Structures are given as structure tokens and as C-alpha cells.
C-alpha atoms as a PDB file:
ATOM      1  CA  UNK A   1     -52.268   7.742 -60.263  1.00  0.00           C
ATOM      2  CA  UNK A   2     -54.954   7.341 -57.457  1.00  0.00           C
ATOM      3  CA  UNK A   3     -54.116   6.690 -53.923  1.00  0.00           C
ATOM      4  CA  UNK A   4     -55.085   3.103 -54.120  1.00  0.00           C
ATOM      5  CA  UNK A   5     -53.041   2.489 -57.298  1.00  0.00           C
ATOM      6  CA  UNK A   6     -49.935   3.646 -55.331  1.00  0.00           C
ATOM      7  CA  UNK A   7     -50.938   1.002 -52.563  1.00  0.00           C
ATOM      8  CA  UNK A   8     -51.739  -1.814 -54.901  1.00  0.00           C
ATOM      9  CA  UNK A   9     -47.832  -0.769 -56.259  1.00  0.00           C
ATOM     10  CA  UNK A  10     -46.065  -0.581 -52.790  1.00  0.00           C
ATOM     11  CA  UNK A  11     -48.023  -4.423 -52.246  1.00  0.00           C
ATOM     12  CA  UNK A  12     -46.250  -5.376 -55.313  1.00  0.00           C
ATOM     13  CA  UNK A  13     -42.902  -3.970 -54.167  1.00  0.00           C
ATOM     14  CA  UNK A  14     -43.144  -5.352 -51.007  1.00  0.00           C
ATOM     15  CA  UNK A  15     -44.455  -9.280 -52.139  1.00  0.00           C
ATOM     16  CA  UNK A  16     -41.603  -8.547 -54.618  1.00  0.00           C
ATOM     17  CA  UNK A  17     -38.717  -7.792 -51.890  1.00  0.00           C
ATOM     18  CA  UNK A  18     -40.846 -10.711 -49.780  1.00  0.00           C
ATOM     19  CA  UNK A  19     -40.139 -13.413 -52.412  1.00  0.00           C
ATOM     20  CA  UNK A  20     -36.889 -12.434 -53.040  1.00  0.00           C
ATOM     21  CA  UNK A  21     -35.482 -12.733 -49.844  1.00  0.00           C
ATOM     22  CA  UNK A  22     -37.767 -15.996 -49.016  1.00  0.00           C
ATOM     23  CA  UNK A  23     -35.648 -17.325 -52.009  1.00  0.00           C
ATOM     24  CA  UNK A  24     -32.195 -16.266 -51.140  1.00  0.00           C
ATOM     25  CA  UNK A  25     -32.952 -17.608 -47.893  1.00  0.00           C
ATOM     26  CA  UNK A  26     -32.707 -21.632 -49.129  1.00  0.00           C
ATOM     27  CA  UNK A  27     -29.312 -20.760 -50.700  1.00  0.00           C
ATOM     28  CA  UNK A  28     -26.893 -20.743 -47.788  1.00  0.00           C
ATOM     29  CA  UNK A  29     -25.829 -23.289 -45.781  1.00  0.00           C
ATOM     30  CA  UNK A  30     -24.659 -22.974 -42.348  1.00  0.00           C
ATOM     31  CA  UNK A  31     -21.470 -24.634 -40.710  1.00  0.00           C
ATOM     32  CA  UNK A  32     -20.953 -25.465 -37.198  1.00  0.00           C
ATOM     33  CA  UNK A  33     -17.006 -25.838 -36.011  1.00  0.00           C
ATOM     34  CA  UNK A  34     -16.510 -26.966 -32.774  1.00  0.00           C
ATOM     35  CA  UNK A  35     -12.844 -26.053 -31.020  1.00  0.00           C
ATOM     36  CA  UNK A  36     -13.330 -28.152 -28.581  1.00  0.00           C
ATOM     37  CA  UNK A  37     -13.064 -31.362 -30.174  1.00  0.00           C
ATOM     38  CA  UNK A  38      -9.503 -30.609 -31.724  1.00  0.00           C
ATOM     39  CA  UNK A  39      -8.349 -30.357 -27.772  1.00  0.00           C
ATOM     40  CA  UNK A  40     -10.151 -33.259 -26.835  1.00  0.00           C
ATOM     41  CA  UNK A  41      -8.217 -35.649 -29.306  1.00  0.00           C
ATOM     42  CA  UNK A  42      -4.930 -34.349 -27.379  1.00  0.00           C
ATOM     43  CA  UNK A  43      -6.016 -35.177 -23.639  1.00  0.00           C
ATOM     44  CA  UNK A  44      -6.304 -37.583 -21.101  1.00  0.00           C
ATOM     45  CA  UNK A  45      -9.063 -38.274 -18.692  1.00  0.00           C
ATOM     46  CA  UNK A  46      -7.351 -38.642 -15.101  1.00  0.00           C
ATOM     47  CA  UNK A  47      -8.270 -42.363 -13.491  1.00  0.00           C
ATOM     48  CA  UNK A  48      -9.429 -40.614 -10.589  1.00  0.00           C
ATOM     49  CA  UNK A  49     -12.485 -38.284 -11.142  1.00  0.00           C
ATOM     50  CA  UNK A  50     -11.753 -34.730  -9.238  1.00  0.00           C
ATOM     51  CA  UNK A  51     -13.630 -33.475  -6.371  1.00  0.00           C
ATOM     52  CA  UNK A  52     -14.970 -30.930  -8.052  1.00  0.00           C
ATOM     53  CA  UNK A  53     -15.505 -30.754 -11.848  1.00  0.00           C
ATOM     54  CA  UNK A  54     -17.947 -29.225 -14.721  1.00  0.00           C
ATOM     55  CA  UNK A  55     -18.055 -29.869 -18.658  1.00  0.00           C
ATOM     56  CA  UNK A  56     -19.578 -28.251 -21.618  1.00  0.00           C
ATOM     57  CA  UNK A  57     -20.663 -31.376 -23.523  1.00  0.00           C
ATOM     58  CA  UNK A  58     -22.525 -29.849 -26.039  1.00  0.00           C
ATOM     59  CA  UNK A  59     -24.457 -27.164 -27.789  1.00  0.00           C
ATOM     60  CA  UNK A  60     -27.756 -26.771 -29.651  1.00  0.00           C
ATOM     61  CA  UNK A  61     -30.085 -24.571 -31.140  1.00  0.00           C
ATOM     62  CA  UNK A  62     -33.842 -24.381 -31.432  1.00  0.00           C
ATOM     63  CA  UNK A  63     -34.664 -23.892 -34.448  1.00  0.00           C
ATOM     64  CA  UNK A  64     -31.281 -25.964 -35.862  1.00  0.00           C
ATOM     65  CA  UNK A  65     -29.490 -23.973 -37.949  1.00  0.00           C
ATOM     66  CA  UNK A  66     -31.704 -23.735 -40.919  1.00  0.00           C
ATOM     67  CA  UNK A  67     -31.086 -20.271 -42.284  1.00  0.00           C
ATOM     68  CA  UNK A  68     -34.263 -20.281 -43.752  1.00  0.00           C
ATOM     69  CA  UNK A  69     -35.950 -20.999 -40.421  1.00  0.00           C
ATOM     70  CA  UNK A  70     -33.311 -18.579 -38.436  1.00  0.00           C
ATOM     71  CA  UNK A  71     -34.669 -16.028 -41.333  1.00  0.00           C
ATOM     72  CA  UNK A  72     -38.510 -15.920 -40.688  1.00  0.00           C
ATOM     73  CA  UNK A  73     -38.488 -16.850 -36.976  1.00  0.00           C
ATOM     74  CA  UNK A  74     -39.577 -13.647 -35.207  1.00  0.00           C
ATOM     75  CA  UNK A  75     -38.860 -15.096 -31.958  1.00  0.00           C
ATOM     76  CA  UNK A  76     -35.112 -15.203 -32.110  1.00  0.00           C
ATOM     77  CA  UNK A  77     -33.007 -18.535 -31.360  1.00  0.00           C
ATOM     78  CA  UNK A  78     -32.847 -20.653 -28.325  1.00  0.00           C
ATOM     79  CA  UNK A  79     -29.779 -21.998 -27.637  1.00  0.00           C
ATOM     80  CA  UNK A  80     -29.333 -24.771 -25.296  1.00  0.00           C
ATOM     81  CA  UNK A  81     -25.949 -26.124 -23.709  1.00  0.00           C
ATOM     82  CA  UNK A  82     -25.222 -29.477 -21.780  1.00  0.00           C
ATOM     83  CA  UNK A  83     -23.502 -28.895 -18.546  1.00  0.00           C
ATOM     84  CA  UNK A  84     -21.780 -32.533 -17.032  1.00  0.00           C
ATOM     85  CA  UNK A  85     -20.875 -32.827 -13.637  1.00  0.00           C
ATOM     86  CA  UNK A  86     -17.924 -34.974 -14.029  1.00  0.00           C
ATOM     87  CA  UNK A  87     -16.698 -34.433 -10.382  1.00  0.00           C
ATOM     88  CA  UNK A  88     -17.621 -36.416  -6.990  1.00  0.00           C
ATOM     89  CA  UNK A  89     -18.940 -33.154  -5.376  1.00  0.00           C
ATOM     90  CA  UNK A  90     -22.655 -31.545  -5.731  1.00  0.00           C
ATOM     91  CA  UNK A  91     -22.198 -28.092  -7.366  1.00  0.00           C
ATOM     92  CA  UNK A  92     -24.167 -25.251  -6.437  1.00  0.00           C
ATOM     93  CA  UNK A  93     -24.921 -21.876  -7.874  1.00  0.00           C
ATOM     94  CA  UNK A  94     -22.902 -22.665 -11.104  1.00  0.00           C
ATOM     95  CA  UNK A  95     -22.566 -19.579 -13.516  1.00  0.00           C
ATOM     96  CA  UNK A  96     -23.063 -20.501 -16.999  1.00  0.00           C
ATOM     97  CA  UNK A  97     -21.835 -17.800 -19.299  1.00  0.00           C
ATOM     98  CA  UNK A  98     -22.329 -17.661 -23.589  1.00  0.00           C
ATOM     99  CA  UNK A  99     -20.953 -14.824 -25.925  1.00  0.00           C
ATOM    100  CA  UNK A 100     -21.697 -14.583 -29.570  1.00  0.00           C
ATOM    101  CA  UNK A 101     -19.643 -12.492 -31.827  1.00  0.00           C
ATOM    102  CA  UNK A 102     -18.144 -11.370 -35.153  1.00  0.00           C
ATOM    103  CA  UNK A 103     -15.528  -9.450 -37.058  1.00  0.00           C
ATOM    104  CA  UNK A 104     -13.076 -12.617 -35.543  1.00  0.00           C
ATOM    105  CA  UNK A 105     -14.707 -11.720 -32.160  1.00  0.00           C
ATOM    106  CA  UNK A 106     -14.183  -8.046 -32.311  1.00  0.00           C
ATOM    107  CA  UNK A 107     -17.777  -7.311 -31.899  1.00  0.00           C
ATOM    108  CA  UNK A 108     -19.898  -8.479 -29.526  1.00  0.00           C
ATOM    109  CA  UNK A 109     -23.746  -9.395 -30.366  1.00  0.00           C
ATOM    110  CA  UNK A 110     -25.166 -11.376 -27.607  1.00  0.00           C
ATOM    111  CA  UNK A 111     -23.736 -11.679 -23.894  1.00  0.00           C
ATOM    112  CA  UNK A 112     -26.027 -13.921 -21.591  1.00  0.00           C
ATOM    113  CA  UNK A 113     -25.523 -15.477 -18.423  1.00  0.00           C
ATOM    114  CA  UNK A 114     -27.589 -18.736 -16.414  1.00  0.00           C
ATOM    115  CA  UNK A 115     -27.271 -20.206 -12.987  1.00  0.00           C
ATOM    116  CA  UNK A 116     -27.731 -23.630 -12.366  1.00  0.00           C
ATOM    117  CA  UNK A 117     -29.127 -23.881  -8.748  1.00  0.00           C
ATOM    118  CA  UNK A 118     -27.460 -27.387  -8.040  1.00  0.00           C
ATOM    119  CA  UNK A 119     -25.761 -30.380  -9.925  1.00  0.00           C
ATOM    120  CA  UNK A 120     -24.702 -33.867  -8.542  1.00  0.00           C
ATOM    121  CA  UNK A 121     -21.728 -35.854  -9.525  1.00  0.00           C
ATOM    122  CA  UNK A 122     -22.153 -37.527 -12.780  1.00  0.00           C
ATOM    123  CA  UNK A 123     -25.488 -35.054 -13.650  1.00  0.00           C
ATOM    124  CA  UNK A 124     -26.116 -33.788 -16.996  1.00  0.00           C
ATOM    125  CA  UNK A 125     -28.736 -30.912 -17.138  1.00  0.00           C
ATOM    126  CA  UNK A 126     -29.482 -28.274 -20.078  1.00  0.00           C
ATOM    127  CA  UNK A 127     -29.199 -24.459 -20.302  1.00  0.00           C
ATOM    128  CA  UNK A 128     -31.785 -22.657 -22.128  1.00  0.00           C
ATOM    129  CA  UNK A 129     -30.758 -19.242 -23.366  1.00  0.00           C
ATOM    130  CA  UNK A 130     -33.909 -18.286 -24.885  1.00  0.00           C
ATOM    131  CA  UNK A 131     -34.960 -15.472 -27.038  1.00  0.00           C
ATOM    132  CA  UNK A 132     -31.459 -14.407 -28.358  1.00  0.00           C
ATOM    133  CA  UNK A 133     -32.121 -12.153 -31.344  1.00  0.00           C
ATOM    134  CA  UNK A 134     -31.625 -13.067 -34.714  1.00  0.00           C
ATOM    135  CA  UNK A 135     -28.061 -11.350 -35.235  1.00  0.00           C
ATOM    136  CA  UNK A 136     -27.223  -8.932 -37.975  1.00  0.00           C
ATOM    137  CA  UNK A 137     -25.889 -11.037 -41.247  1.00  0.00           C
ATOM    138  CA  UNK A 138     -22.010 -11.815 -41.334  1.00  0.00           C
ATOM    139  CA  UNK A 139     -20.429 -14.692 -42.868  1.00  0.00           C
ATOM    140  CA  UNK A 140     -19.127 -15.961 -39.728  1.00  0.00           C
ATOM    141  CA  UNK A 141     -19.535 -15.599 -36.134  1.00  0.00           C
ATOM    142  CA  UNK A 142     -17.975 -17.262 -33.000  1.00  0.00           C
ATOM    143  CA  UNK A 143     -19.895 -18.717 -29.832  1.00  0.00           C
ATOM    144  CA  UNK A 144     -18.293 -19.114 -26.830  1.00  0.00           C
ATOM    145  CA  UNK A 145     -19.297 -20.963 -23.854  1.00  0.00           C
ATOM    146  CA  UNK A 146     -18.296 -21.660 -20.803  1.00  0.00           C
ATOM    147  CA  UNK A 147     -19.405 -23.033 -17.423  1.00  0.00           C
ATOM    148  CA  UNK A 148     -17.362 -20.731 -14.572  1.00  0.00           C
ATOM    149  CA  UNK A 149     -14.859 -22.948 -12.252  1.00  0.00           C
ATOM    150  CA  UNK A 150     -16.349 -23.927  -9.270  1.00  0.00           C
ATOM    151  CA  UNK A 151     -14.221 -23.377  -5.404  1.00  0.00           C
ATOM    152  CA  UNK A 152     -11.541 -26.071  -6.022  1.00  0.00           C
ATOM    153  CA  UNK A 153     -11.815 -27.182  -9.357  1.00  0.00           C
ATOM    154  CA  UNK A 154      -8.386 -27.937 -11.270  1.00  0.00           C
ATOM    155  CA  UNK A 155      -9.080 -29.116 -14.401  1.00  0.00           C
ATOM    156  CA  UNK A 156     -10.758 -25.950 -16.657  1.00  0.00           C
ATOM    157  CA  UNK A 157     -10.020 -27.531 -20.232  1.00  0.00           C
ATOM    158  CA  UNK A 158     -13.529 -28.989 -20.715  1.00  0.00           C
ATOM    159  CA  UNK A 159     -15.135 -26.132 -18.799  1.00  0.00           C
ATOM    160  CA  UNK A 160     -15.610 -24.099 -21.999  1.00  0.00           C
ATOM    161  CA  UNK A 161     -16.208 -24.365 -25.975  1.00  0.00           C
ATOM    162  CA  UNK A 162     -15.545 -22.016 -28.839  1.00  0.00           C
ATOM    163  CA  UNK A 163     -17.579 -23.005 -32.229  1.00  0.00           C
ATOM    164  CA  UNK A 164     -17.072 -20.918 -35.174  1.00  0.00           C
ATOM    165  CA  UNK A 165     -20.451 -20.604 -37.127  1.00  0.00           C
ATOM    166  CA  UNK A 166     -20.071 -20.328 -40.897  1.00  0.00           C
ATOM    167  CA  UNK A 167     -22.443 -18.981 -43.365  1.00  0.00           C
ATOM    168  CA  UNK A 168     -22.137 -19.833 -47.159  1.00  0.00           C
ATOM    169  CA  UNK A 169     -23.664 -19.861 -50.255  1.00  0.00           C
ATOM    170  CA  UNK A 170     -25.155 -23.539 -51.369  1.00  0.00           C
ATOM    171  CA  UNK A 171     -23.420 -22.503 -54.512  1.00  0.00           C
ATOM    172  CA  UNK A 172     -19.720 -23.026 -52.728  1.00  0.00           C
END
């Protein structure tokens, strides 16, 4: 067997593995479970807004949480977090933190923070965490996001959210 023949077999093997991986990636569904929605249903909002109050409104991903896109995207994932100032004071130097873990929170995969320089009352700003590396495959991840309390803030219930990200076989 010559060198060209060995290269041809290796090239075929790589192609077969690539095709197998591509065909398997379409066989997974990703579900995001927001634990904050369970908490929000039992709480009432105050009649008058607090002087200082930040809230995590939503979390989104680029690309969308599609297993095939994530598996084939070398740039990683961008996490978008919408933070709202529900208080009546402009807040400065607001720290937003994210943690992605697996194994029921025992293994930390990613931990990042970003700062909002200034956010006015009633304003919503989107914080972008870019190039989050593609995590190792696990059937379940936990994403924790938090707007760190600003001085004088007393309503901390809406400052954080926890999301379970479940990856299941499409046949389940």
C-alpha cells in the first residue's frame, strides 16, 4: 500500500466520521427551563418602585440553541442578557455575572462578568458575552445569570435567574 493509498483511506475515514457526526447532530433537541418564571408567579410587584432596583429580563443565545449549529460553529456562542433598571435612580458600574456549569453545578465550565457603565430608570440594556467556548457534551447544563446588587437595592429576587439547559435525543 503506497503513501497515496494510505492518505486516501485516512481521507475517507475523516469524511465518514464527519458525515456520522453531522447526521447525529440533527438528532438532539435543546430545552431551556427558566426557574425564575416559577418564582415570578408567586410574587407581587410593589405599588411604588424602589429607588434602586435591577432585574434580569431575559437571556438569549447567538446562534440559537440548535445543537447542529453549536457543534459546527468554531467561534463559540454569544450569550445575550437583558437587564432592566426598574428603580427610579440611574445606576452606574453595574456588574453582570454568568456561570455555566454541569454535573448539577459541581463542574464550572465558564465564568464571566461584564459591566454596564450607566443605566437610567426604565432603561433596558443588553449585555453580550461573546466567544463562550463550545462546552463539552453533557445532557444537562445550568446557566446562572446575575445583576450584582447596587448600593441601596433591597429587592434582590429579580436580580438573578437560573436556567437548566437540557439536551435530549430527538427520538425521546
